[in-house]
Amino acid sequence: MIIFLDTEFTSFEEPYLISIGLIADENELYFELAGISHEICAPFVQANVLPLLTGPVLKPIEGAEQLAAFLSLCGPEVTFFCDAPRYDITLLTPFLPSGLRWNYAVPSFQDAACEGLFERTRKNAFANGLRRHHALDDAKAIAAAWAATRRI
């Protein structure tokens, strides 16, 4: 099953997970991690990510439990689809339950028209109310853009 994933994190230089959003079919999961000091966040994150945090706020072990429960609905093998695997996958991996068979994919396009459709659809999702730099809304925008490219 494909799971659309996005994370928000403290900075590019020293990334610590702040929040995670996942979409799989009709199921979604969003949580924020407790204990992240706002002082270690980059100015961009302080201005554009922190004001969008909505909870729930979980301890890391609780986040791992929620993720395991969510993934149990997705079958024995999953593909995480994200646009920044260097960060998204790296920050997700410590929370994954052992024994899960998984891989990841990033947007790749057969041609420029398909890539343009992906980007326009994602941009339109934000123009129509999704919040850019909110992990769950970013995952929803990626899912919508991916779905649009599958129709052509």
N, C-alpha and C. Protein backbone atom coordinates (compact mmCIF):
# COMPACT_ATOMS: atom_id res chain seq x y z
N MET A 1 0.84 -1.17 0.00
CA MET A 1 0.00 0.00 0.00
C MET A 1 0.89 1.24 0.00
N ILE A 2 0.43 2.26 -0.68
CA ILE A 2 1.14 3.54 -0.69
C ILE A 2 0.66 4.39 0.48
N ILE A 3 1.63 4.94 1.20
CA ILE A 3 1.35 5.86 2.30
C ILE A 3 2.04 7.17 1.97
N PHE A 4 1.27 8.23 1.92
CA PHE A 4 1.83 9.56 1.64
C PHE A 4 2.31 10.14 2.96
N LEU A 5 3.52 10.65 2.95
CA LEU A 5 4.21 11.04 4.17
C LEU A 5 4.79 12.44 4.06
N ASP A 6 4.68 13.18 5.13
CA ASP A 6 5.43 14.43 5.25
C ASP A 6 5.80 14.62 6.71
N THR A 7 6.95 15.25 6.92
CA THR A 7 7.38 15.58 8.27
C THR A 7 7.74 17.06 8.34
N GLU A 8 7.67 17.59 9.53
CA GLU A 8 8.22 18.92 9.81
C GLU A 8 9.29 18.70 10.86
N PHE A 9 10.36 19.48 10.76
CA PHE A 9 11.50 19.25 11.63
C PHE A 9 12.19 20.58 11.95
N THR A 10 13.10 20.52 12.89
CA THR A 10 13.68 21.73 13.49
C THR A 10 14.51 22.58 12.54
N SER A 11 15.36 21.93 11.75
CA SER A 11 16.22 22.67 10.82
C SER A 11 16.87 21.69 9.86
N PHE A 12 17.38 22.20 8.76
CA PHE A 12 18.11 21.34 7.82
C PHE A 12 19.44 20.89 8.42
N GLU A 13 20.05 21.75 9.21
CA GLU A 13 21.38 21.46 9.75
C GLU A 13 21.34 20.41 10.86
N GLU A 14 20.36 20.51 11.76
CA GLU A 14 20.18 19.54 12.84
C GLU A 14 18.71 19.17 12.92
N PRO A 15 18.27 18.26 12.04
CA PRO A 15 16.84 17.93 11.99
C PRO A 15 16.38 17.01 13.11
N TYR A 16 15.45 17.49 13.90
CA TYR A 16 14.74 16.70 14.88
C TYR A 16 13.26 16.77 14.53
N LEU A 17 12.60 15.63 14.60
CA LEU A 17 11.20 15.56 14.21
C LEU A 17 10.33 16.43 15.10
N ILE A 18 9.50 17.26 14.47
CA ILE A 18 8.49 18.05 15.18
C ILE A 18 7.12 17.41 15.00
N SER A 19 6.77 17.09 13.74
CA SER A 19 5.45 16.51 13.47
C SER A 19 5.53 15.61 12.25
N ILE A 20 4.54 14.73 12.17
CA ILE A 20 4.48 13.78 11.07
C ILE A 20 3.04 13.64 10.62
N GLY A 21 2.84 13.56 9.30
CA GLY A 21 1.53 13.34 8.73
C GLY A 21 1.58 12.21 7.73
N LEU A 22 0.62 11.31 7.80
CA LEU A 22 0.55 10.17 6.89
C LEU A 22 -0.88 10.00 6.39
N ILE A 23 -1.00 9.65 5.11
CA ILE A 23 -2.29 9.39 4.48
C ILE A 23 -2.20 8.04 3.77
N ALA A 24 -3.15 7.15 4.05
CA ALA A 24 -3.24 5.86 3.35
C ALA A 24 -4.71 5.57 3.10
N ASP A 25 -5.10 5.56 1.84
CA ASP A 25 -6.50 5.40 1.49
C ASP A 25 -7.33 6.41 2.27
N GLU A 26 -8.27 5.94 3.07
CA GLU A 26 -9.13 6.84 3.84
C GLU A 26 -8.60 7.08 5.26
N ASN A 27 -7.46 6.51 5.58
CA ASN A 27 -6.91 6.64 6.93
C ASN A 27 -5.84 7.71 6.96
N GLU A 28 -5.75 8.41 8.08
CA GLU A 28 -4.70 9.40 8.24
C GLU A 28 -4.21 9.38 9.68
N LEU A 29 -2.97 9.82 9.84
CA LEU A 29 -2.37 9.92 11.16
C LEU A 29 -1.56 11.20 11.21
N TYR A 30 -1.72 11.93 12.30
CA TYR A 30 -0.93 13.13 12.52
C TYR A 30 -0.61 13.21 14.00
N PHE A 31 0.64 13.51 14.31
CA PHE A 31 1.00 13.81 15.69
C PHE A 31 2.24 14.68 15.71
N GLU A 32 2.40 15.32 16.83
CA GLU A 32 3.58 16.15 17.10
C GLU A 32 4.31 15.52 18.27
N LEU A 33 5.62 15.69 18.29
CA LEU A 33 6.42 15.13 19.37
C LEU A 33 6.58 16.11 20.51
N ALA A 34 6.40 15.60 21.71
CA ALA A 34 6.62 16.40 22.92
C ALA A 34 8.12 16.60 23.13
N GLY A 35 8.44 17.69 23.79
CA GLY A 35 9.82 17.88 24.22
C GLY A 35 10.74 18.57 23.24
N ILE A 36 10.23 19.04 22.12
CA ILE A 36 11.08 19.75 21.17
C ILE A 36 11.14 21.21 21.58
N SER A 37 12.32 21.69 21.85
CA SER A 37 12.51 23.08 22.24
C SER A 37 12.39 23.99 21.03
N HIS A 38 11.57 24.99 21.16
CA HIS A 38 11.39 25.94 20.06
C HIS A 38 12.67 26.72 19.79
N GLU A 39 13.52 26.84 20.77
CA GLU A 39 14.76 27.60 20.61
C GLU A 39 15.72 26.94 19.63
N ILE A 40 15.64 25.62 19.45
CA ILE A 40 16.56 24.97 18.52
C ILE A 40 16.04 24.99 17.08
N CYS A 41 14.86 25.50 16.89
CA CYS A 41 14.27 25.55 15.55
C CYS A 41 14.85 26.71 14.75
N ALA A 42 15.04 26.46 13.47
CA ALA A 42 15.50 27.51 12.56
C ALA A 42 14.46 28.63 12.52
N PRO A 43 14.88 29.85 12.22
CA PRO A 43 13.93 30.95 12.13
C PRO A 43 12.76 30.67 11.18
N PHE A 44 13.04 30.02 10.05
CA PHE A 44 11.96 29.67 9.11
C PHE A 44 10.93 28.78 9.80
N VAL A 45 11.39 27.80 10.55
CA VAL A 45 10.49 26.87 11.24
C VAL A 45 9.70 27.61 12.31
N GLN A 46 10.35 28.49 13.04
CA GLN A 46 9.66 29.27 14.06
C GLN A 46 8.54 30.12 13.45
N ALA A 47 8.79 30.66 12.27
CA ALA A 47 7.80 31.54 11.63
C ALA A 47 6.72 30.79 10.86
N ASN A 48 7.06 29.64 10.26
CA ASN A 48 6.15 29.00 9.31
C ASN A 48 5.61 27.63 9.73
N VAL A 49 6.24 26.97 10.66
CA VAL A 49 5.80 25.64 11.08
C VAL A 49 5.17 25.68 12.47
N LEU A 50 5.86 26.24 13.43
CA LEU A 50 5.36 26.21 14.81
C LEU A 50 3.98 26.83 14.97
N PRO A 51 3.65 27.93 14.28
CA PRO A 51 2.30 28.48 14.44
C PRO A 51 1.18 27.55 13.94
N LEU A 52 1.53 26.56 13.13
CA LEU A 52 0.52 25.66 12.57
C LEU A 52 0.29 24.40 13.39
N LEU A 53 1.08 24.21 14.42
CA LEU A 53 0.96 22.98 15.21
C LEU A 53 -0.40 22.94 15.90
N THR A 54 -1.07 21.80 15.77
CA THR A 54 -2.44 21.66 16.25
C THR A 54 -2.63 20.52 17.24
N GLY A 55 -1.59 19.71 17.49
CA GLY A 55 -1.72 18.55 18.34
C GLY A 55 -2.40 17.41 17.59
N PRO A 56 -2.43 16.25 18.13
CA PRO A 56 -2.02 15.89 19.47
C PRO A 56 -0.49 15.87 19.62
N VAL A 57 -0.05 16.12 20.85
CA VAL A 57 1.37 16.08 21.19
C VAL A 57 1.61 14.78 21.95
N LEU A 58 2.53 13.97 21.42
CA LEU A 58 2.78 12.66 22.00
C LEU A 58 4.25 12.51 22.40
N LYS A 59 4.48 11.69 23.40
CA LYS A 59 5.84 11.26 23.73
C LYS A 59 6.30 10.35 22.59
N PRO A 60 7.61 10.23 22.38
CA PRO A 60 8.07 9.38 21.27
C PRO A 60 7.52 7.96 21.31
N ILE A 61 7.45 7.33 22.47
CA ILE A 61 6.92 5.96 22.55
C ILE A 61 5.45 5.92 22.16
N GLU A 62 4.70 6.95 22.53
CA GLU A 62 3.29 7.02 22.14
C GLU A 62 3.15 7.21 20.63
N GLY A 63 4.04 8.03 20.04
CA GLY A 63 4.04 8.22 18.59
C GLY A 63 4.32 6.92 17.87
N ALA A 64 5.29 6.16 18.38
CA ALA A 64 5.61 4.86 17.78
C ALA A 64 4.43 3.90 17.88
N GLU A 65 3.72 3.93 19.00
CA GLU A 65 2.54 3.07 19.16
C GLU A 65 1.43 3.47 18.20
N GLN A 66 1.19 4.77 18.07
CA GLN A 66 0.18 5.25 17.13
C GLN A 66 0.54 4.87 15.70
N LEU A 67 1.82 5.01 15.36
CA LEU A 67 2.27 4.66 14.02
C LEU A 67 2.09 3.16 13.77
N ALA A 68 2.44 2.33 14.74
CA ALA A 68 2.27 0.88 14.58
C ALA A 68 0.80 0.53 14.37
N ALA A 69 -0.09 1.16 15.13
CA ALA A 69 -1.53 0.90 14.96
C ALA A 69 -2.00 1.34 13.58
N PHE A 70 -1.55 2.49 13.14
CA PHE A 70 -1.90 2.99 11.80
C PHE A 70 -1.40 2.03 10.72
N LEU A 71 -0.14 1.62 10.83
CA LEU A 71 0.44 0.74 9.82
C LEU A 71 -0.21 -0.63 9.81
N SER A 72 -0.77 -1.06 10.93
CA SER A 72 -1.45 -2.36 10.97
C SER A 72 -2.67 -2.37 10.05
N LEU A 73 -3.20 -1.21 9.73
CA LEU A 73 -4.34 -1.09 8.81
C LEU A 73 -3.91 -1.12 7.35
N CYS A 74 -2.61 -1.05 7.11
CA CYS A 74 -2.09 -0.85 5.75
C CYS A 74 -1.54 -2.11 5.11
N GLY A 75 -1.57 -3.23 5.78
CA GLY A 75 -1.06 -4.46 5.20
C GLY A 75 0.39 -4.70 5.53
N PRO A 76 0.91 -5.84 5.09
CA PRO A 76 2.25 -6.25 5.50
C PRO A 76 3.40 -5.54 4.76
N GLU A 77 3.07 -4.85 3.67
CA GLU A 77 4.12 -4.21 2.88
C GLU A 77 3.65 -2.82 2.48
N VAL A 78 4.48 -1.82 2.73
CA VAL A 78 4.08 -0.45 2.43
C VAL A 78 5.19 0.29 1.68
N THR A 79 4.75 1.28 0.92
CA THR A 79 5.66 2.20 0.26
C THR A 79 5.33 3.60 0.74
N PHE A 80 6.30 4.25 1.34
CA PHE A 80 6.13 5.63 1.77
C PHE A 80 6.48 6.54 0.60
N PHE A 81 5.55 7.40 0.23
CA PHE A 81 5.72 8.32 -0.88
C PHE A 81 5.90 9.71 -0.29
N CYS A 82 7.04 10.31 -0.55
CA CYS A 82 7.35 11.62 0.04
C CYS A 82 8.20 12.42 -0.93
N ASP A 83 8.32 13.72 -0.65
CA ASP A 83 9.09 14.56 -1.56
C ASP A 83 10.46 14.95 -1.01
N ALA A 84 10.75 14.56 0.22
CA ALA A 84 12.07 14.89 0.82
C ALA A 84 12.56 13.70 1.63
N PRO A 85 12.90 12.58 0.97
CA PRO A 85 13.25 11.37 1.72
C PRO A 85 14.46 11.53 2.63
N ARG A 86 15.37 12.41 2.27
CA ARG A 86 16.55 12.61 3.12
C ARG A 86 16.12 12.97 4.55
N TYR A 87 15.04 13.70 4.66
CA TYR A 87 14.53 14.09 5.97
C TYR A 87 13.35 13.21 6.38
N ASP A 88 12.35 13.08 5.52
CA ASP A 88 11.13 12.36 5.89
C ASP A 88 11.42 10.91 6.30
N ILE A 89 12.14 10.19 5.48
CA ILE A 89 12.42 8.78 5.77
C ILE A 89 13.37 8.65 6.95
N THR A 90 14.38 9.49 6.99
CA THR A 90 15.33 9.44 8.10
C THR A 90 14.65 9.68 9.43
N LEU A 91 13.72 10.63 9.48
CA LEU A 91 13.04 10.95 10.73
C LEU A 91 11.94 9.94 11.08
N LEU A 92 11.38 9.29 10.07
CA LEU A 92 10.34 8.28 10.29
C LEU A 92 10.92 6.96 10.80
N THR A 93 12.05 6.56 10.28
CA THR A 93 12.60 5.22 10.51
C THR A 93 12.67 4.81 11.98
N PRO A 94 13.10 5.66 12.90
CA PRO A 94 13.16 5.20 14.30
C PRO A 94 11.80 4.83 14.90
N PHE A 95 10.73 5.26 14.28
CA PHE A 95 9.38 4.99 14.79
C PHE A 95 8.75 3.75 14.17
N LEU A 96 9.37 3.18 13.14
CA LEU A 96 8.77 2.05 12.44
C LEU A 96 8.85 0.77 13.27
N PRO A 97 7.77 0.01 13.27
CA PRO A 97 7.81 -1.26 14.01
C PRO A 97 8.73 -2.26 13.32
N SER A 98 9.38 -3.09 14.11
CA SER A 98 10.26 -4.12 13.53
C SER A 98 9.40 -5.11 12.75
N GLY A 99 9.96 -5.65 11.72
CA GLY A 99 9.26 -6.64 10.90
C GLY A 99 8.46 -6.06 9.76
N LEU A 100 8.27 -4.76 9.75
CA LEU A 100 7.52 -4.14 8.65
C LEU A 100 8.38 -4.17 7.39
N ARG A 101 7.78 -4.62 6.30
CA ARG A 101 8.47 -4.56 5.00
C ARG A 101 8.07 -3.25 4.34
N TRP A 102 9.07 -2.42 4.06
CA TRP A 102 8.76 -1.10 3.52
C TRP A 102 9.85 -0.65 2.58
N ASN A 103 9.48 0.31 1.76
CA ASN A 103 10.43 1.04 0.93
C ASN A 103 9.86 2.44 0.76
N TYR A 104 10.51 3.23 -0.07
CA TYR A 104 9.99 4.56 -0.30
C TYR A 104 10.11 4.93 -1.76
N ALA A 105 9.30 5.90 -2.15
CA ALA A 105 9.31 6.41 -3.52
C ALA A 105 9.21 7.93 -3.45
N VAL A 106 9.73 8.56 -4.47
CA VAL A 106 9.65 10.01 -4.60
C VAL A 106 8.97 10.32 -5.93
N PRO A 107 8.45 11.52 -6.08
CA PRO A 107 7.83 11.86 -7.36
C PRO A 107 8.81 11.69 -8.52
N SER A 108 8.40 10.97 -9.52
CA SER A 108 9.15 10.87 -10.78
C SER A 108 8.11 10.91 -11.89
N PHE A 109 8.50 11.51 -12.99
CA PHE A 109 7.51 11.83 -14.01
C PHE A 109 7.95 11.33 -15.37
N GLN A 110 6.94 10.90 -16.15
CA GLN A 110 7.22 10.41 -17.50
C GLN A 110 7.55 11.55 -18.45
N ASP A 111 7.08 12.77 -18.11
CA ASP A 111 7.36 13.91 -18.98
C ASP A 111 7.09 15.21 -18.21
N ALA A 112 7.42 16.32 -18.83
CA ALA A 112 7.26 17.62 -18.19
C ALA A 112 5.79 17.94 -17.91
N ALA A 113 4.89 17.48 -18.78
CA ALA A 113 3.46 17.75 -18.57
C ALA A 113 2.98 17.08 -17.28
N CYS A 114 3.42 15.87 -17.05
CA CYS A 114 3.03 15.15 -15.84
C CYS A 114 3.61 15.85 -14.60
N GLU A 115 4.85 16.27 -14.69
CA GLU A 115 5.47 16.99 -13.57
C GLU A 115 4.73 18.30 -13.31
N GLY A 116 4.37 19.00 -14.37
CA GLY A 116 3.63 20.25 -14.21
C GLY A 116 2.28 20.03 -13.55
N LEU A 117 1.59 18.96 -13.95
CA LEU A 117 0.30 18.64 -13.34
C LEU A 117 0.46 18.36 -11.85
N PHE A 118 1.48 17.61 -11.49
CA PHE A 118 1.76 17.30 -10.09
C PHE A 118 1.93 18.60 -9.30
N GLU A 119 2.80 19.48 -9.79
CA GLU A 119 3.09 20.73 -9.07
C GLU A 119 1.87 21.66 -9.02
N ARG A 120 1.11 21.75 -10.12
CA ARG A 120 -0.10 22.59 -10.13
C ARG A 120 -1.14 22.07 -9.15
N THR A 121 -1.31 20.75 -9.12
CA THR A 121 -2.30 20.16 -8.22
C THR A 121 -1.91 20.40 -6.77
N ARG A 122 -0.65 20.23 -6.48
CA ARG A 122 -0.19 20.47 -5.10
C ARG A 122 -0.36 21.94 -4.72
N LYS A 123 0.00 22.83 -5.63
CA LYS A 123 -0.16 24.28 -5.38
C LYS A 123 -1.63 24.63 -5.18
N ASN A 124 -2.51 24.06 -6.00
CA ASN A 124 -3.95 24.31 -5.87
C ASN A 124 -4.50 23.80 -4.54
N ALA A 125 -3.97 22.69 -4.06
CA ALA A 125 -4.42 22.17 -2.77
C ALA A 125 -4.17 23.18 -1.66
N PHE A 126 -3.03 23.85 -1.73
CA PHE A 126 -2.74 24.87 -0.72
C PHE A 126 -3.60 26.12 -0.94
N ALA A 127 -3.83 26.46 -2.19
CA ALA A 127 -4.68 27.62 -2.48
C ALA A 127 -6.12 27.38 -2.03
N ASN A 128 -6.52 26.12 -1.93
CA ASN A 128 -7.89 25.78 -1.55
C ASN A 128 -8.01 25.40 -0.07
N GLY A 129 -7.06 25.80 0.75
CA GLY A 129 -7.25 25.66 2.18
C GLY A 129 -6.27 24.81 2.95
N LEU A 130 -5.51 23.96 2.27
CA LEU A 130 -4.51 23.20 3.01
C LEU A 130 -3.39 24.14 3.44
N ARG A 131 -2.81 23.85 4.59
CA ARG A 131 -1.76 24.70 5.15
C ARG A 131 -0.38 24.18 4.78
N ARG A 132 0.36 24.98 4.03
CA ARG A 132 1.74 24.63 3.66
C ARG A 132 2.58 24.60 4.93
N HIS A 133 3.39 23.57 5.07
CA HIS A 133 4.27 23.36 6.22
C HIS A 133 3.54 22.83 7.46
N HIS A 134 2.36 22.25 7.24
CA HIS A 134 1.69 21.43 8.26
C HIS A 134 1.79 20.01 7.73
N ALA A 135 2.41 19.12 8.48
CA ALA A 135 2.76 17.79 7.96
C ALA A 135 1.56 17.04 7.37
N LEU A 136 0.42 17.06 8.04
CA LEU A 136 -0.73 16.33 7.51
C LEU A 136 -1.25 16.97 6.23
N ASP A 137 -1.34 18.29 6.21
CA ASP A 137 -1.81 18.97 4.99
C ASP A 137 -0.83 18.79 3.84
N ASP A 138 0.46 18.82 4.13
CA ASP A 138 1.44 18.57 3.08
C ASP A 138 1.29 17.15 2.52
N ALA A 139 1.05 16.17 3.40
CA ALA A 139 0.84 14.79 2.93
C ALA A 139 -0.43 14.70 2.08
N LYS A 140 -1.48 15.42 2.47
CA LYS A 140 -2.71 15.44 1.68
C LYS A 140 -2.46 16.05 0.30
N ALA A 141 -1.68 17.12 0.25
CA ALA A 141 -1.38 17.76 -1.04
C ALA A 141 -0.57 16.84 -1.93
N ILE A 142 0.38 16.13 -1.36
CA ILE A 142 1.18 15.17 -2.14
C ILE A 142 0.28 14.05 -2.65
N ALA A 143 -0.63 13.56 -1.82
CA ALA A 143 -1.56 12.50 -2.24
C ALA A 143 -2.45 12.97 -3.38
N ALA A 144 -2.97 14.20 -3.27
CA ALA A 144 -3.83 14.74 -4.34
C ALA A 144 -3.05 14.89 -5.64
N ALA A 145 -1.83 15.38 -5.54
CA ALA A 145 -1.01 15.57 -6.74
C ALA A 145 -0.66 14.22 -7.38
N TRP A 146 -0.34 13.23 -6.57
CA TRP A 146 -0.04 11.91 -7.09
C TRP A 146 -1.27 11.33 -7.80
N ALA A 147 -2.44 11.47 -7.18
CA ALA A 147 -3.67 10.94 -7.77
C ALA A 147 -3.96 11.62 -9.12
N ALA A 148 -3.73 12.92 -9.21
CA ALA A 148 -3.97 13.64 -10.46
C ALA A 148 -3.09 13.11 -11.58
N THR A 149 -1.85 12.78 -11.27
CA THR A 149 -0.95 12.28 -12.32
C THR A 149 -1.29 10.86 -12.74
N ARG A 150 -2.01 10.12 -11.92
CA ARG A 150 -2.40 8.75 -12.27
C ARG A 150 -3.59 8.74 -13.23
N ARG A 151 -4.29 9.87 -13.35
CA ARG A 151 -5.47 9.93 -14.23
C ARG A 151 -5.11 10.22 -15.67
N ILE A 152 -3.85 10.58 -15.94
CA ILE A 152 -3.49 10.90 -17.34
C ILE A 152 -2.77 9.74 -17.98
